[in-house]
Protein backbone atom coordinates (compact mmCIF):
# COMPACT_ATOMS: atom_id res chain seq x y z
CA MET A 1 -48.68 -74.78 -4.42
CA ASP A 2 -46.05 -76.37 -2.17
CA HIS A 3 -43.55 -78.94 -3.40
CA PRO A 4 -45.00 -82.45 -2.83
CA ILE A 5 -41.62 -83.81 -1.69
CA LEU A 6 -39.69 -80.96 -0.11
CA SER A 7 -42.55 -79.14 1.62
CA HIS A 8 -44.23 -82.03 3.41
CA ARG A 9 -43.28 -83.58 6.71
CA TYR A 10 -42.71 -87.14 5.46
CA GLY A 11 -42.28 -86.33 1.76
CA ILE A 12 -38.49 -86.55 1.78
CA PHE A 13 -38.46 -89.87 3.66
CA VAL A 14 -41.03 -91.41 1.32
CA TYR A 15 -39.11 -90.20 -1.72
CA LEU A 16 -35.78 -91.52 -0.36
CA GLY A 17 -37.48 -94.88 0.23
CA PHE A 18 -38.63 -95.05 -3.41
CA TRP A 19 -35.21 -93.91 -4.61
CA LEU A 20 -33.44 -96.58 -2.55
CA ALA A 21 -35.82 -99.24 -3.90
CA PHE A 22 -35.06 -98.08 -7.47
CA MET A 23 -31.29 -98.24 -6.88
CA CYS A 24 -31.56 -101.70 -5.30
CA SER A 25 -33.60 -102.91 -8.27
CA LEU A 26 -30.86 -101.79 -10.67
CA LEU A 27 -28.24 -103.42 -8.46
CA ALA A 28 -30.16 -106.71 -8.42
CA ILE A 29 -30.59 -106.69 -12.20
CA ASP A 30 -26.90 -106.12 -12.88
CA TRP A 31 -25.46 -108.29 -10.12
CA TYR A 32 -27.91 -111.17 -9.73
CA PHE A 33 -29.52 -111.52 -13.15
CA GLN A 34 -26.68 -110.36 -15.42
CA GLY A 35 -23.85 -111.90 -13.32
CA GLU A 36 -21.86 -108.69 -13.02
CA ASP A 37 -19.29 -108.19 -10.26
CA PHE A 38 -20.95 -106.71 -7.17
CA THR A 39 -18.68 -103.65 -7.08
CA ASN A 40 -19.23 -102.87 -10.75
CA ALA A 41 -22.97 -103.46 -10.37
CA LEU A 42 -23.05 -101.09 -7.38
CA ILE A 43 -21.16 -98.42 -9.32
CA SER A 44 -23.53 -98.77 -12.28
CA SER A 45 -26.66 -98.53 -10.14
CA LEU A 46 -25.30 -95.52 -8.26
CA SER A 47 -24.32 -93.83 -11.54
CA ILE A 48 -27.92 -94.00 -12.75
CA SER A 49 -29.62 -93.36 -9.39
CA LEU A 50 -27.63 -90.41 -8.07
CA PRO A 51 -28.72 -87.99 -10.85
CA LEU A 52 -32.31 -89.12 -10.29
CA LEU A 53 -32.02 -88.08 -6.64
CA ILE A 54 -31.82 -84.44 -7.74
CA ILE A 55 -33.58 -84.47 -11.12
CA ALA A 56 -36.87 -86.07 -9.99
CA PRO A 57 -37.71 -83.31 -7.43
CA SER A 58 -36.65 -80.68 -9.98
CA ILE A 59 -39.22 -81.91 -12.52
CA TRP A 60 -41.91 -80.51 -10.20
CA PHE A 61 -40.95 -76.95 -11.12
CA ILE A 62 -41.39 -77.79 -14.80
CA VAL A 63 -44.82 -79.32 -14.20
CA LYS A 64 -45.90 -76.45 -11.97
CA HIS A 65 -45.27 -73.86 -14.69
CA ILE A 66 -46.81 -75.85 -17.56
CA ASP A 67 -50.54 -75.37 -16.96
CA ILE A 68 -52.71 -77.24 -19.47
CA ASP A 69 -55.70 -75.01 -18.67
CA LYS A 70 -53.79 -71.91 -19.78
CA ILE A 71 -51.71 -73.13 -22.74
CA GLY A 72 -53.69 -76.09 -24.13
CA ARG A 73 -52.80 -79.73 -24.63
CA LEU A 74 -50.65 -79.41 -27.75
CA THR A 75 -48.47 -76.68 -26.26
CA MET A 76 -48.18 -78.67 -23.05
CA VAL A 77 -46.98 -81.76 -24.97
CA LEU A 78 -44.43 -79.70 -26.92
CA ASN A 79 -43.14 -78.04 -23.75
CA HIS A 80 -42.80 -81.35 -21.92
CA THR A 81 -41.10 -82.93 -24.95
CA ALA A 82 -38.50 -80.17 -25.01
CA ALA A 83 -38.07 -80.36 -21.23
CA ALA A 84 -37.76 -84.16 -21.39
CA ILE A 85 -35.03 -84.01 -24.04
CA ILE A 86 -33.01 -81.53 -21.97
CA THR A 87 -33.59 -83.48 -18.74
CA VAL A 88 -32.63 -86.82 -20.32
CA ALA A 89 -29.48 -85.31 -21.86
CA ILE A 90 -28.43 -83.99 -18.45
CA TRP A 91 -29.32 -87.29 -16.78
CA VAL A 92 -27.36 -89.46 -19.23
CA SER A 93 -24.38 -87.11 -19.17
CA LEU A 94 -24.26 -87.14 -15.37
CA THR A 95 -24.61 -90.91 -15.36
CA TYR A 96 -21.56 -91.41 -17.57
CA PHE A 97 -19.63 -88.75 -15.70
CA ILE A 98 -20.28 -90.40 -12.31
CA HIS A 99 -19.56 -93.85 -13.72
CA SER A 100 -16.27 -92.71 -15.28
CA SER A 101 -15.25 -91.11 -12.00
CA LEU A 102 -15.92 -94.28 -10.00
CA HIS A 103 -14.98 -96.99 -12.51
CA GLU A 104 -11.26 -97.71 -12.56
CA ASP A 105 -11.25 -99.47 -15.96
CA TYR A 106 -13.01 -96.67 -17.84
CA THR A 107 -11.18 -95.13 -20.76
CA ASN A 108 -12.17 -92.14 -22.84
CA SER A 109 -12.12 -94.24 -26.03
CA SER A 110 -15.17 -96.32 -25.18
CA TYR A 111 -18.47 -96.09 -23.31
CA PRO A 112 -18.48 -97.82 -19.94
CA ASP A 113 -20.75 -100.79 -19.38
CA ILE A 114 -23.66 -99.40 -17.35
CA ILE A 115 -26.22 -102.22 -17.07
CA MET A 116 -27.72 -101.25 -20.44
CA PRO A 117 -26.61 -99.46 -23.66
CA TYR A 118 -26.81 -95.68 -23.74
CA TYR A 119 -29.97 -95.75 -25.88
CA GLY A 120 -31.58 -98.06 -23.33
CA LEU A 121 -30.57 -95.65 -20.59
CA ALA A 122 -32.06 -92.77 -22.58
CA PHE A 123 -35.32 -94.70 -22.98
CA LEU A 124 -35.39 -95.41 -19.22
CA SER A 125 -34.79 -91.74 -18.50
CA PHE A 126 -37.67 -90.70 -20.78
CA ALA A 127 -39.94 -93.25 -19.10
CA LEU A 128 -39.03 -92.03 -15.61
CA TYR A 129 -39.52 -88.41 -16.69
CA GLY A 130 -43.01 -89.28 -17.95
CA TYR A 131 -43.77 -91.18 -14.76
CA MET A 132 -42.72 -88.26 -12.53
CA VAL A 133 -44.75 -85.83 -14.64
CA MET A 134 -47.80 -88.06 -14.26
CA VAL A 135 -47.31 -88.34 -10.49
CA TYR A 136 -46.99 -84.58 -10.11
CA TYR A 137 -50.08 -83.87 -12.21
CA VAL A 138 -52.04 -86.37 -10.12
CA PHE A 139 -50.83 -84.52 -7.02
CA ILE A 140 -51.91 -81.16 -8.50
CA TYR A 141 -55.31 -82.61 -9.42
CA TYR A 142 -55.75 -83.94 -5.89
CA GLN A 143 -54.82 -80.61 -4.32
CA ASN A 144 -57.19 -78.73 -6.65
CA PHE A 145 -59.96 -81.21 -5.90
CA LYS A 146 -59.33 -80.86 -2.18
CA SER A 147 -59.36 -77.07 -2.53
CA LYS A 148 -62.61 -77.27 -4.51
CA ILE A 149 -64.25 -79.30 -1.74
CA GLU A 150 -63.08 -76.78 0.86
CA ASN A 151 -64.31 -73.86 -1.24
CA GLU A 152 -67.65 -75.59 -1.73
CA SER A 153 -67.97 -75.95 2.02
CA ASN A 154 -67.01 -72.30 2.49
CA LEU A 155 -69.51 -71.27 -0.17
CA LYS A 156 -72.29 -73.13 1.61
CA ASP A 157 -71.44 -71.31 4.83
CA LEU A 158 -71.21 -68.01 2.98
CA ILE A 159 -74.57 -68.65 1.29
CA LYS A 160 -76.22 -69.16 4.66
CA GLU A 161 -74.63 -65.98 5.96
CA ALA A 162 -75.49 -64.09 2.77
CA GLU A 163 -79.10 -65.26 2.94
CA ILE A 164 -79.33 -63.93 6.48
CA ASN A 165 -77.70 -60.66 5.41
CA ALA A 166 -80.07 -60.54 2.44
CA LEU A 167 -83.04 -60.84 4.75
CA LYS A 168 -81.58 -58.11 6.96
CA SER A 169 -80.92 -55.78 4.05
CA GLN A 170 -83.70 -56.65 1.62
CA ILE A 171 -86.37 -56.71 4.33
CA ASN A 172 -84.72 -54.00 6.33
CA PRO A 173 -87.28 -52.65 8.85
CA HIS A 174 -86.21 -49.08 8.15
CA PHE A 175 -86.60 -49.59 4.43
CA LEU A 176 -90.08 -51.08 4.90
CA PHE A 177 -91.05 -48.37 7.38
CA ASN A 178 -89.95 -45.56 5.09
CA SER A 179 -91.57 -47.17 2.05
CA LEU A 180 -94.90 -47.69 3.82
CA ASN A 181 -94.71 -44.14 5.16
CA SER A 182 -94.30 -42.87 1.61
CA VAL A 183 -97.24 -45.01 0.50
CA SER A 184 -99.34 -43.61 3.34
CA SER A 185 -98.52 -40.04 2.32
CA LEU A 186 -99.27 -40.73 -1.34
CA THR A 187 -102.61 -42.34 -0.50
CA LEU A 188 -104.17 -38.96 0.26
CA VAL A 189 -102.45 -36.95 -2.45
CA GLN A 190 -101.86 -39.42 -5.31
CA PRO A 191 -103.75 -42.67 -4.66
CA GLU A 192 -102.87 -44.11 -8.05
CA LYS A 193 -99.18 -43.57 -7.41
CA SER A 194 -99.43 -45.12 -3.96
CA ARG A 195 -100.97 -48.26 -5.43
CA GLU A 196 -98.20 -48.41 -8.04
CA MET A 197 -95.60 -48.13 -5.29
CA LEU A 198 -97.21 -50.98 -3.33
CA VAL A 199 -97.10 -53.20 -6.40
CA LYS A 200 -93.41 -52.40 -6.91
CA LEU A 201 -92.65 -53.00 -3.24
CA SER A 202 -94.35 -56.41 -3.26
CA SER A 203 -92.62 -57.40 -6.51
CA PHE A 204 -89.26 -56.39 -5.12
CA LEU A 205 -89.72 -58.36 -1.90
CA ARG A 206 -91.02 -61.43 -3.74
CA TYR A 207 -88.04 -61.47 -6.11
CA SER A 208 -85.53 -60.95 -3.29
CA LEU A 209 -86.93 -63.80 -1.21
CA ASP A 210 -87.23 -66.24 -4.11
CA GLN A 211 -83.62 -65.98 -5.29
CA ASP A 212 -80.97 -68.60 -4.49
CA LEU A 213 -77.73 -66.71 -3.86
CA LYS A 214 -75.56 -69.47 -5.29
CA GLU A 215 -77.23 -69.34 -8.70
CA LEU A 216 -76.63 -67.08 -11.68
CA ASN A 217 -79.22 -64.89 -13.33
CA THR A 218 -79.36 -62.70 -16.40
CA LEU A 219 -78.39 -59.06 -16.09
CA SER A 220 -81.82 -58.02 -17.38
CA ASN A 221 -83.60 -59.83 -14.52
CA GLU A 222 -81.24 -58.41 -11.91
CA MET A 223 -81.60 -54.90 -13.28
CA LYS A 224 -85.37 -55.26 -13.35
CA ASN A 225 -85.38 -55.93 -9.61
CA SER A 226 -82.77 -53.24 -8.91
CA ARG A 227 -84.90 -50.69 -10.77
CA LEU A 228 -87.85 -51.61 -8.54
CA TYR A 229 -85.75 -50.90 -5.48
CA LEU A 230 -84.42 -47.62 -6.89
CA GLU A 231 -87.86 -46.46 -8.02
CA ILE A 232 -89.23 -47.12 -4.54
CA GLU A 233 -86.39 -45.06 -3.06
CA LYS A 234 -87.01 -42.35 -5.64
CA VAL A 235 -90.53 -41.93 -4.31
CA ARG A 236 -88.98 -41.27 -0.89
CA PHE A 237 -86.33 -38.82 -2.01
CA GLY A 238 -88.03 -37.26 -5.03
CA ASP A 239 -85.80 -34.91 -7.03
CA ARG A 240 -82.85 -35.60 -4.73
CA LEU A 241 -82.38 -38.95 -6.51
CA ALA A 242 -81.74 -39.26 -10.24
CA LEU A 243 -81.07 -42.50 -12.11
CA GLU A 244 -79.08 -43.06 -15.28
CA PHE A 245 -78.68 -46.39 -17.07
CA ASN A 246 -76.34 -47.07 -19.96
CA ILE A 247 -76.46 -50.81 -20.64
CA ASP A 248 -75.35 -52.29 -23.95
CA VAL A 249 -78.02 -54.50 -25.49
CA PRO A 250 -75.77 -57.63 -25.81
CA CYS A 251 -75.16 -57.49 -22.05
CA GLN A 252 -78.81 -58.05 -21.16
CA ASP A 253 -78.61 -61.86 -21.43
CA MET A 254 -75.21 -62.24 -19.77
CA LYS A 255 -74.99 -64.00 -16.41
CA ILE A 256 -74.19 -62.54 -13.01
CA PRO A 257 -74.75 -63.91 -9.46
CA ASN A 258 -78.17 -63.25 -7.96
CA LEU A 259 -78.57 -60.07 -5.88
CA ILE A 260 -74.91 -59.13 -6.37
CA LEU A 261 -75.75 -55.51 -7.25
CA GLN A 262 -78.25 -54.87 -4.47
CA PRO A 263 -75.71 -53.97 -1.70
CA ILE A 264 -74.01 -51.45 -4.02
CA TYR A 265 -77.24 -49.60 -4.68
CA GLU A 266 -78.05 -49.68 -0.97
CA ASN A 267 -74.65 -48.10 -0.21
CA ALA A 268 -75.30 -45.40 -2.80
CA ILE A 269 -78.65 -44.58 -1.16
CA LYS A 270 -77.32 -44.74 2.40
CA HIS A 271 -74.04 -42.85 1.94
CA GLY A 272 -75.02 -40.67 -1.01
CA VAL A 273 -78.67 -39.70 -1.27
CA HIS A 274 -79.62 -40.00 2.39
CA GLU A 275 -76.82 -37.71 3.58
CA SER A 276 -76.97 -35.13 0.80
CA LEU A 277 -79.21 -32.11 0.34
CA GLU A 278 -78.17 -31.77 -3.28
CA PRO A 279 -79.39 -34.06 -6.10
CA VAL A 280 -77.48 -37.33 -6.33
CA ILE A 281 -77.17 -39.21 -9.60
CA ILE A 282 -76.70 -42.97 -9.49
CA THR A 283 -75.25 -44.07 -12.81
CA THR A 284 -75.14 -47.66 -14.02
CA LYS A 285 -73.09 -48.70 -17.04
CA ALA A 286 -72.65 -52.18 -18.48
CA GLU A 287 -70.44 -53.31 -21.36
CA PHE A 288 -68.75 -56.47 -22.56
CA LYS A 289 -64.99 -56.50 -23.08
CA ASN A 290 -62.17 -59.02 -22.76
CA ASP A 291 -64.61 -61.91 -22.20
CA LYS A 292 -66.03 -60.13 -19.15
CA LEU A 293 -69.22 -58.27 -18.39
CA CYS A 294 -68.15 -54.99 -16.80
CA ILE A 295 -70.71 -53.20 -14.63
CA GLN A 296 -69.89 -49.78 -13.25
CA ILE A 297 -72.08 -48.16 -10.58
CA SER A 298 -71.19 -44.64 -9.46
CA ASN A 299 -72.80 -41.86 -7.47
CA ASN A 300 -71.88 -38.39 -6.35
CA PHE A 301 -72.13 -37.38 -2.70
CA ASP A 302 -71.87 -34.30 -0.56
CA LYS A 303 -68.26 -34.12 0.62
CA ASP A 304 -69.18 -31.78 3.48
CA THR A 305 -71.55 -34.21 5.17
CA ILE A 306 -70.46 -36.81 7.72
CA THR A 307 -70.99 -40.23 6.22
CA PRO A 308 -72.54 -42.70 8.68
CA LYS A 309 -70.19 -45.47 9.66
CA GLY A 310 -71.37 -48.97 8.81
CA GLN A 311 -69.93 -52.44 9.31
CA GLY A 312 -68.51 -52.45 5.79
CA ILE A 313 -69.65 -55.98 5.13
CA GLY A 314 -71.53 -55.28 1.89
CA LEU A 315 -68.58 -54.91 -0.48
CA LYS A 316 -66.58 -57.47 1.49
CA ASN A 317 -69.30 -60.08 1.00
CA ILE A 318 -69.43 -59.28 -2.71
CA THR A 319 -65.67 -59.85 -3.01
CA GLU A 320 -65.91 -63.17 -1.15
CA ARG A 321 -68.81 -64.36 -3.30
CA LEU A 322 -66.96 -63.49 -6.51
CA ASN A 323 -63.85 -65.30 -5.28
CA LEU A 324 -65.74 -68.47 -4.39
CA ILE A 325 -67.79 -68.47 -7.59
CA TYR A 326 -65.11 -67.47 -10.10
CA GLY A 327 -61.93 -68.24 -8.17
CA ARG A 328 -60.58 -64.70 -8.49
CA THR A 329 -60.04 -61.78 -6.13
CA ASP A 330 -59.59 -59.01 -8.73
CA LEU A 331 -63.19 -58.74 -9.97
CA LEU A 332 -64.20 -55.75 -7.83
CA THR A 333 -62.49 -52.36 -7.81
CA ILE A 334 -63.41 -49.23 -5.87
CA ALA A 335 -62.46 -45.66 -6.71
CA LYS A 336 -63.38 -42.75 -4.46
CA THR A 337 -62.76 -39.06 -5.09
CA GLU A 338 -63.79 -36.00 -3.09
CA SER A 339 -67.35 -36.12 -4.39
CA ASN A 340 -67.78 -39.37 -6.32
CA PHE A 341 -67.86 -43.05 -5.40
CA ASN A 342 -67.33 -45.59 -8.16
CA VAL A 343 -67.58 -49.40 -8.05
CA LYS A 344 -66.60 -51.67 -10.95
CA LEU A 345 -67.57 -55.32 -11.14
CA TYR A 346 -66.27 -57.85 -13.65
CA PHE A 347 -68.11 -61.08 -14.42
CA PRO A 348 -66.22 -63.62 -16.59
CA GLN A 349 -68.59 -65.12 -19.15
CA LYS A 350 -66.43 -68.12 -20.19
CA THR A 351 -65.58 -69.32 -16.69
CA HIS A 352 -67.62 -72.08 -15.13
CA LEU A 353 -68.61 -71.87 -11.51
CA LYS A 354 -65.81 -73.02 -9.29
CA SER A 355 -67.80 -74.37 -6.41
CA VAL A 356 -71.40 -74.64 -7.54
């Protein structure tokens, strides 16, 4: 996040205006209300204000690296207390150093008269430190809120696009054509099996159309629908497609975004089973570790076949959805060897939706 003063077009001018007003206030207090000589009052106000000119912008770097969401409130208070003590010590020391350099009557045997006693100056410094911290946190909150609104808008656009892509992929004409062809063939040979396949096909389509892509669902429900899709494809490819599932029981009720796994299985069918003459095993593993549900989907493929080139939007859309929902870009990893393709997905279970 950019510095609110140094990185904005008018930030420096606004800050210099506030700083000048602060210095003039000190000058008025010492000269007009306390009856001090104008020169001495000017020296005193400059002695206090000049360190502030540098220290106030520097406090931003302290605030930026003390994140309450990561370290908790108590640790944040302790860190700011320590930082405030150091900052105030530097501020007061610089004030007396500047004053002693400018004040002709200053002697090393006594403190100079700087508008207020040193303990009053220390209290003022603490108060200004707290005020700057508050201002910077308000700025951070505003920027995060603004970013959240933008992400929400992006998510709405992505949802519309994903819904269209879902219709294109879930109700893919080729998929329907091949499925109905398989049903037609089974009708003569195995009528009971053809009826079972029609029931699975209708259940799969109904589930896919009913889901809201911005909502979460349990892993068990998602896997139930994915199994329908894979079983339909298994009727097409027969022994060329084998399925393995290794899902820990506690993972069944954990939450993942709707239809997030579907494009991965489609890729495995398209680039693995469809292009291979040898049996292809699609393996699905799910386990819970480090507060995340980890789902691994892998499949072997024939390295000698030419894989059809696609638009590559499936995995890209998954990454974008995960980023907008969880606010992270490291939740999907891909590993490809000569004969195996492996996709890992991580779903934080303690993170609230960022934009929903």
